[in-house]
Amino acid sequence: MEQKRDKGVWKTFSGTDKVESLLKELQGWFTGWCINSYSAAYLHLLAGDICVYFTEIENEFIYPRISVGIEKNGTVRCIGLETLQKIEESMKPILEDYLTYLGVFDKERYKLKYGVAKKF
């Protein structure tokens, strides 16, 4: 599934058969994300879906900026490119809109802190 949002594209990777596709999309980008390794990507995709937000470089949506892991048990993990994998300030509205669109984020009950959607 591909969905355009603002200046980027969300791509969803579902199922362990998408490990190679995910790794290919992330190849060459030093994100620091554990899903850059085959075994971690496999385990995360076994647990649920991974959605990655790619922004544009030279007319191609290739630069991974946000990763959202949505596990089958309802856990949502969001990581970005800032120190400690925090979400960049400019990406927070895009992430909140996407999580709201997916129905896994309620702005009244949750807020983004340290790149992870936490209940407060």
N, C-alpha and C. Protein backbone atom coordinates (compact mmCIF):
# COMPACT_ATOMS: atom_id res chain seq x y z
N MET A 1 0.84 -1.18 0.00
CA MET A 1 0.00 0.00 0.00
C MET A 1 0.88 1.24 0.00
N GLU A 2 0.59 2.17 -0.86
CA GLU A 2 1.32 3.41 -0.93
C GLU A 2 0.33 4.55 -0.77
N GLN A 3 0.64 5.48 0.08
CA GLN A 3 -0.25 6.61 0.29
C GLN A 3 0.57 7.89 0.33
N LYS A 4 0.24 8.86 -0.54
CA LYS A 4 0.95 10.13 -0.58
C LYS A 4 0.45 11.04 0.53
N ARG A 5 1.37 11.70 1.21
CA ARG A 5 1.04 12.68 2.24
C ARG A 5 2.04 13.82 2.13
N ASP A 6 1.55 15.03 1.94
CA ASP A 6 2.38 16.22 1.90
C ASP A 6 3.59 16.04 0.98
N LYS A 7 4.79 16.08 1.56
CA LYS A 7 6.01 16.04 0.75
C LYS A 7 6.66 14.66 0.77
N GLY A 8 5.89 13.66 1.01
CA GLY A 8 6.45 12.32 1.10
C GLY A 8 5.42 11.25 0.80
N VAL A 9 5.86 10.01 0.96
CA VAL A 9 5.02 8.85 0.69
C VAL A 9 5.17 7.85 1.84
N TRP A 10 4.04 7.36 2.32
CA TRP A 10 4.05 6.26 3.30
C TRP A 10 4.01 4.95 2.52
N LYS A 11 4.91 4.04 2.86
CA LYS A 11 4.89 2.70 2.29
C LYS A 11 4.73 1.70 3.43
N THR A 12 3.82 0.76 3.23
CA THR A 12 3.54 -0.24 4.25
C THR A 12 4.12 -1.58 3.82
N PHE A 13 4.80 -2.22 4.75
CA PHE A 13 5.38 -3.54 4.53
C PHE A 13 4.68 -4.50 5.48
N SER A 14 3.98 -5.48 4.93
CA SER A 14 3.19 -6.42 5.72
C SER A 14 3.63 -7.85 5.43
N GLY A 15 3.95 -8.58 6.47
CA GLY A 15 4.30 -9.99 6.32
C GLY A 15 5.78 -10.20 6.10
N THR A 16 6.23 -11.37 6.52
CA THR A 16 7.65 -11.69 6.45
C THR A 16 8.16 -11.81 5.01
N ASP A 17 7.26 -11.97 4.05
CA ASP A 17 7.69 -12.03 2.66
C ASP A 17 8.11 -10.65 2.13
N LYS A 18 7.94 -9.60 2.93
CA LYS A 18 8.31 -8.24 2.53
C LYS A 18 9.66 -7.79 3.11
N VAL A 19 10.38 -8.70 3.78
CA VAL A 19 11.66 -8.35 4.38
C VAL A 19 12.62 -7.80 3.33
N GLU A 20 12.77 -8.50 2.24
CA GLU A 20 13.70 -8.07 1.19
C GLU A 20 13.31 -6.71 0.62
N SER A 21 12.02 -6.48 0.42
CA SER A 21 11.55 -5.19 -0.10
C SER A 21 11.89 -4.06 0.87
N LEU A 22 11.67 -4.30 2.15
CA LEU A 22 11.97 -3.30 3.17
C LEU A 22 13.46 -3.00 3.19
N LEU A 23 14.28 -4.04 3.22
CA LEU A 23 15.73 -3.85 3.26
C LEU A 23 16.24 -3.12 2.03
N LYS A 24 15.66 -3.41 0.89
CA LYS A 24 16.06 -2.73 -0.35
C LYS A 24 15.75 -1.23 -0.26
N GLU A 25 14.59 -0.90 0.27
CA GLU A 25 14.19 0.51 0.41
C GLU A 25 15.10 1.27 1.39
N LEU A 26 15.58 0.58 2.42
CA LEU A 26 16.40 1.23 3.45
C LEU A 26 17.90 1.18 3.15
N GLN A 27 18.27 0.38 2.17
CA GLN A 27 19.68 0.18 1.83
C GLN A 27 20.38 1.50 1.51
N GLY A 28 21.54 1.71 2.13
CA GLY A 28 22.34 2.89 1.85
C GLY A 28 22.02 4.08 2.73
N TRP A 29 20.95 4.01 3.50
CA TRP A 29 20.59 5.09 4.41
C TRP A 29 20.98 4.69 5.82
N PHE A 30 21.77 5.50 6.46
CA PHE A 30 22.28 5.19 7.80
C PHE A 30 21.31 5.72 8.85
N THR A 31 20.18 5.03 8.96
CA THR A 31 19.12 5.47 9.86
C THR A 31 19.40 5.10 11.32
N GLY A 32 20.18 4.06 11.54
CA GLY A 32 20.40 3.56 12.88
C GLY A 32 19.26 2.68 13.37
N TRP A 33 18.31 2.41 12.48
CA TRP A 33 17.16 1.59 12.86
C TRP A 33 17.54 0.11 12.84
N CYS A 34 17.04 -0.64 13.81
CA CYS A 34 17.35 -2.07 13.88
C CYS A 34 16.78 -2.82 12.68
N ILE A 35 15.71 -2.30 12.07
CA ILE A 35 15.09 -2.99 10.94
C ILE A 35 15.95 -2.95 9.68
N ASN A 36 17.13 -2.35 9.76
CA ASN A 36 18.08 -2.40 8.65
C ASN A 36 18.76 -3.77 8.56
N SER A 37 18.57 -4.61 9.58
CA SER A 37 19.14 -5.95 9.53
C SER A 37 18.03 -6.95 9.20
N TYR A 38 18.40 -8.01 8.52
CA TYR A 38 17.43 -9.01 8.08
C TYR A 38 16.67 -9.61 9.25
N SER A 39 17.41 -10.03 10.29
CA SER A 39 16.75 -10.73 11.40
C SER A 39 15.78 -9.81 12.15
N ALA A 40 16.16 -8.57 12.38
CA ALA A 40 15.26 -7.64 13.08
C ALA A 40 14.05 -7.31 12.22
N ALA A 41 14.27 -7.08 10.93
CA ALA A 41 13.15 -6.79 10.02
C ALA A 41 12.18 -7.97 9.99
N TYR A 42 12.73 -9.18 9.93
CA TYR A 42 11.90 -10.39 9.91
C TYR A 42 11.04 -10.47 11.18
N LEU A 43 11.67 -10.28 12.34
CA LEU A 43 10.94 -10.38 13.61
C LEU A 43 9.86 -9.30 13.73
N HIS A 44 10.17 -8.08 13.29
CA HIS A 44 9.19 -7.00 13.35
C HIS A 44 8.02 -7.27 12.41
N LEU A 45 8.31 -7.80 11.24
CA LEU A 45 7.23 -8.10 10.28
C LEU A 45 6.44 -9.33 10.71
N LEU A 46 7.05 -10.21 11.47
CA LEU A 46 6.34 -11.34 12.04
C LEU A 46 5.32 -10.84 13.08
N ALA A 47 5.71 -9.78 13.80
CA ALA A 47 4.86 -9.22 14.86
C ALA A 47 3.76 -8.30 14.31
N GLY A 48 3.95 -7.77 13.11
CA GLY A 48 2.96 -6.84 12.56
C GLY A 48 3.48 -6.14 11.32
N ASP A 49 2.98 -4.94 11.09
CA ASP A 49 3.34 -4.16 9.90
C ASP A 49 4.40 -3.12 10.23
N ILE A 50 5.15 -2.73 9.21
CA ILE A 50 6.08 -1.61 9.31
C ILE A 50 5.69 -0.62 8.22
N CYS A 51 5.46 0.62 8.64
CA CYS A 51 5.15 1.70 7.70
C CYS A 51 6.31 2.69 7.75
N VAL A 52 6.81 3.07 6.59
CA VAL A 52 7.95 3.99 6.52
C VAL A 52 7.54 5.19 5.68
N TYR A 53 7.89 6.37 6.19
CA TYR A 53 7.63 7.62 5.47
C TYR A 53 8.90 8.02 4.74
N PHE A 54 8.80 8.13 3.42
CA PHE A 54 9.92 8.51 2.57
C PHE A 54 9.69 9.91 2.01
N THR A 55 10.70 10.77 2.10
CA THR A 55 10.60 12.08 1.49
C THR A 55 11.38 12.10 0.19
N GLU A 56 11.20 13.17 -0.55
CA GLU A 56 11.70 13.27 -1.92
C GLU A 56 13.13 13.79 -1.99
N ILE A 57 13.91 13.14 -2.81
CA ILE A 57 15.23 13.60 -3.20
C ILE A 57 15.33 13.41 -4.71
N GLU A 58 15.58 14.50 -5.43
CA GLU A 58 15.73 14.46 -6.88
C GLU A 58 14.56 13.72 -7.55
N ASN A 59 13.35 14.13 -7.21
CA ASN A 59 12.11 13.61 -7.81
C ASN A 59 11.82 12.14 -7.51
N GLU A 60 12.45 11.59 -6.48
CA GLU A 60 12.16 10.21 -6.06
C GLU A 60 11.92 10.19 -4.56
N PHE A 61 10.92 9.44 -4.14
CA PHE A 61 10.62 9.31 -2.71
C PHE A 61 11.46 8.16 -2.15
N ILE A 62 12.67 8.50 -1.69
CA ILE A 62 13.64 7.47 -1.32
C ILE A 62 14.27 7.67 0.06
N TYR A 63 14.07 8.82 0.69
CA TYR A 63 14.75 9.14 1.94
C TYR A 63 13.86 8.77 3.13
N PRO A 64 14.19 7.68 3.86
CA PRO A 64 13.36 7.24 5.00
C PRO A 64 13.50 8.20 6.18
N ARG A 65 12.37 8.72 6.67
CA ARG A 65 12.40 9.70 7.75
C ARG A 65 11.73 9.20 9.02
N ILE A 66 10.69 8.37 8.87
CA ILE A 66 9.94 7.85 10.02
C ILE A 66 9.65 6.38 9.78
N SER A 67 9.76 5.59 10.84
CA SER A 67 9.34 4.20 10.80
C SER A 67 8.29 3.99 11.88
N VAL A 68 7.18 3.35 11.49
CA VAL A 68 6.11 3.05 12.43
C VAL A 68 5.90 1.54 12.41
N GLY A 69 6.09 0.93 13.56
CA GLY A 69 5.80 -0.50 13.70
C GLY A 69 4.46 -0.67 14.38
N ILE A 70 3.54 -1.36 13.72
CA ILE A 70 2.21 -1.60 14.29
C ILE A 70 2.07 -3.10 14.52
N GLU A 71 2.20 -3.49 15.77
CA GLU A 71 2.14 -4.90 16.10
C GLU A 71 0.71 -5.39 16.18
N LYS A 72 0.54 -6.69 16.00
CA LYS A 72 -0.79 -7.30 16.03
C LYS A 72 -1.48 -7.13 17.37
N ASN A 73 -0.68 -6.95 18.45
CA ASN A 73 -1.26 -6.77 19.78
C ASN A 73 -1.67 -5.33 20.06
N GLY A 74 -1.48 -4.44 19.05
CA GLY A 74 -1.89 -3.05 19.20
C GLY A 74 -0.78 -2.09 19.57
N THR A 75 0.39 -2.60 19.90
CA THR A 75 1.52 -1.73 20.23
C THR A 75 1.97 -0.98 18.99
N VAL A 76 2.21 0.31 19.15
CA VAL A 76 2.69 1.15 18.05
C VAL A 76 4.01 1.76 18.47
N ARG A 77 5.04 1.55 17.64
CA ARG A 77 6.36 2.11 17.93
C ARG A 77 6.76 3.01 16.77
N CYS A 78 7.15 4.23 17.11
CA CYS A 78 7.52 5.21 16.09
C CYS A 78 8.95 5.66 16.33
N ILE A 79 9.76 5.62 15.28
CA ILE A 79 11.14 6.08 15.42
C ILE A 79 11.48 6.99 14.25
N GLY A 80 12.44 7.87 14.53
CA GLY A 80 12.87 8.83 13.51
C GLY A 80 14.37 8.88 13.40
N LEU A 81 14.87 9.98 12.90
CA LEU A 81 16.30 10.11 12.60
C LEU A 81 17.07 10.98 13.59
N GLU A 82 16.37 11.58 14.53
CA GLU A 82 17.05 12.42 15.51
C GLU A 82 17.81 11.55 16.52
N THR A 83 18.57 12.18 17.39
CA THR A 83 19.27 11.49 18.46
C THR A 83 18.26 10.66 19.26
N LEU A 84 18.67 9.47 19.65
CA LEU A 84 17.82 8.52 20.36
C LEU A 84 16.59 8.13 19.54
N GLN A 85 16.70 8.26 18.24
CA GLN A 85 15.65 7.88 17.28
C GLN A 85 14.36 8.68 17.47
N LYS A 86 14.50 9.90 17.96
CA LYS A 86 13.33 10.78 18.11
C LYS A 86 12.85 11.22 16.74
N ILE A 87 11.61 11.64 16.71
CA ILE A 87 10.99 12.14 15.49
C ILE A 87 11.40 13.60 15.31
N GLU A 88 11.80 13.97 14.11
CA GLU A 88 12.13 15.35 13.80
C GLU A 88 10.89 16.23 14.00
N GLU A 89 11.09 17.44 14.49
CA GLU A 89 9.97 18.35 14.73
C GLU A 89 9.11 18.52 13.49
N SER A 90 9.74 18.67 12.32
CA SER A 90 8.99 18.89 11.08
C SER A 90 8.17 17.67 10.66
N MET A 91 8.52 16.50 11.20
CA MET A 91 7.83 15.26 10.84
C MET A 91 6.69 14.92 11.80
N LYS A 92 6.66 15.54 12.99
CA LYS A 92 5.64 15.20 13.99
C LYS A 92 4.21 15.39 13.49
N PRO A 93 3.88 16.51 12.82
CA PRO A 93 2.50 16.65 12.33
C PRO A 93 2.14 15.58 11.30
N ILE A 94 3.09 15.21 10.47
CA ILE A 94 2.86 14.19 9.46
C ILE A 94 2.61 12.84 10.14
N LEU A 95 3.41 12.53 11.17
CA LEU A 95 3.23 11.29 11.91
C LEU A 95 1.89 11.27 12.64
N GLU A 96 1.54 12.35 13.32
CA GLU A 96 0.26 12.40 14.03
C GLU A 96 -0.91 12.22 13.07
N ASP A 97 -0.85 12.88 11.93
CA ASP A 97 -1.93 12.74 10.93
C ASP A 97 -2.04 11.30 10.44
N TYR A 98 -0.89 10.67 10.21
CA TYR A 98 -0.90 9.29 9.70
C TYR A 98 -1.45 8.32 10.74
N LEU A 99 -1.01 8.47 11.99
CA LEU A 99 -1.49 7.59 13.05
C LEU A 99 -2.99 7.79 13.29
N THR A 100 -3.45 9.03 13.17
CA THR A 100 -4.88 9.31 13.29
C THR A 100 -5.63 8.67 12.13
N TYR A 101 -5.09 8.80 10.93
CA TYR A 101 -5.67 8.18 9.73
C TYR A 101 -5.80 6.66 9.89
N LEU A 102 -4.78 6.05 10.49
CA LEU A 102 -4.80 4.59 10.71
C LEU A 102 -5.73 4.19 11.86
N GLY A 103 -6.13 5.17 12.65
CA GLY A 103 -7.01 4.88 13.78
C GLY A 103 -6.27 4.36 15.00
N VAL A 104 -4.97 4.62 15.08
CA VAL A 104 -4.19 4.13 16.22
C VAL A 104 -3.68 5.27 17.09
N PHE A 105 -4.17 6.48 16.84
CA PHE A 105 -3.69 7.64 17.59
C PHE A 105 -4.85 8.57 17.89
N ASP A 106 -5.04 8.88 19.16
CA ASP A 106 -6.07 9.80 19.59
C ASP A 106 -5.37 10.99 20.24
N LYS A 107 -5.42 12.15 19.58
CA LYS A 107 -4.70 13.33 20.07
C LYS A 107 -5.16 13.76 21.45
N GLU A 108 -6.34 13.40 21.84
CA GLU A 108 -6.84 13.77 23.16
C GLU A 108 -6.21 12.92 24.27
N ARG A 109 -5.81 11.70 23.95
CA ARG A 109 -5.32 10.77 24.98
C ARG A 109 -3.84 10.47 24.90
N TYR A 110 -3.22 10.77 23.78
CA TYR A 110 -1.82 10.42 23.59
C TYR A 110 -1.03 11.63 23.13
N LYS A 111 0.24 11.62 23.37
CA LYS A 111 1.10 12.62 22.76
C LYS A 111 2.42 11.96 22.39
N LEU A 112 3.08 12.53 21.41
CA LEU A 112 4.35 11.98 20.99
C LEU A 112 5.45 12.45 21.93
N LYS A 113 6.20 11.51 22.45
CA LYS A 113 7.30 11.83 23.33
C LYS A 113 8.43 10.86 23.04
N TYR A 114 9.56 11.38 22.76
CA TYR A 114 10.74 10.57 22.45
C TYR A 114 10.49 9.62 21.31
N GLY A 115 9.66 10.02 20.35
CA GLY A 115 9.45 9.21 19.16
C GLY A 115 8.52 8.03 19.34
N VAL A 116 7.91 7.92 20.51
CA VAL A 116 7.01 6.79 20.75
C VAL A 116 5.66 7.34 21.18
N ALA A 117 4.60 6.79 20.62
CA ALA A 117 3.26 7.20 21.04
C ALA A 117 2.98 6.58 22.41
N LYS A 118 2.84 7.42 23.43
CA LYS A 118 2.61 6.92 24.78
C LYS A 118 1.31 7.49 25.32
N LYS A 119 0.64 6.72 26.15
CA LYS A 119 -0.59 7.16 26.80
C LYS A 119 -0.23 7.98 28.04
N PHE A 120 -0.92 9.10 28.21
CA PHE A 120 -0.70 9.94 29.40
C PHE A 120 -2.01 10.20 30.10
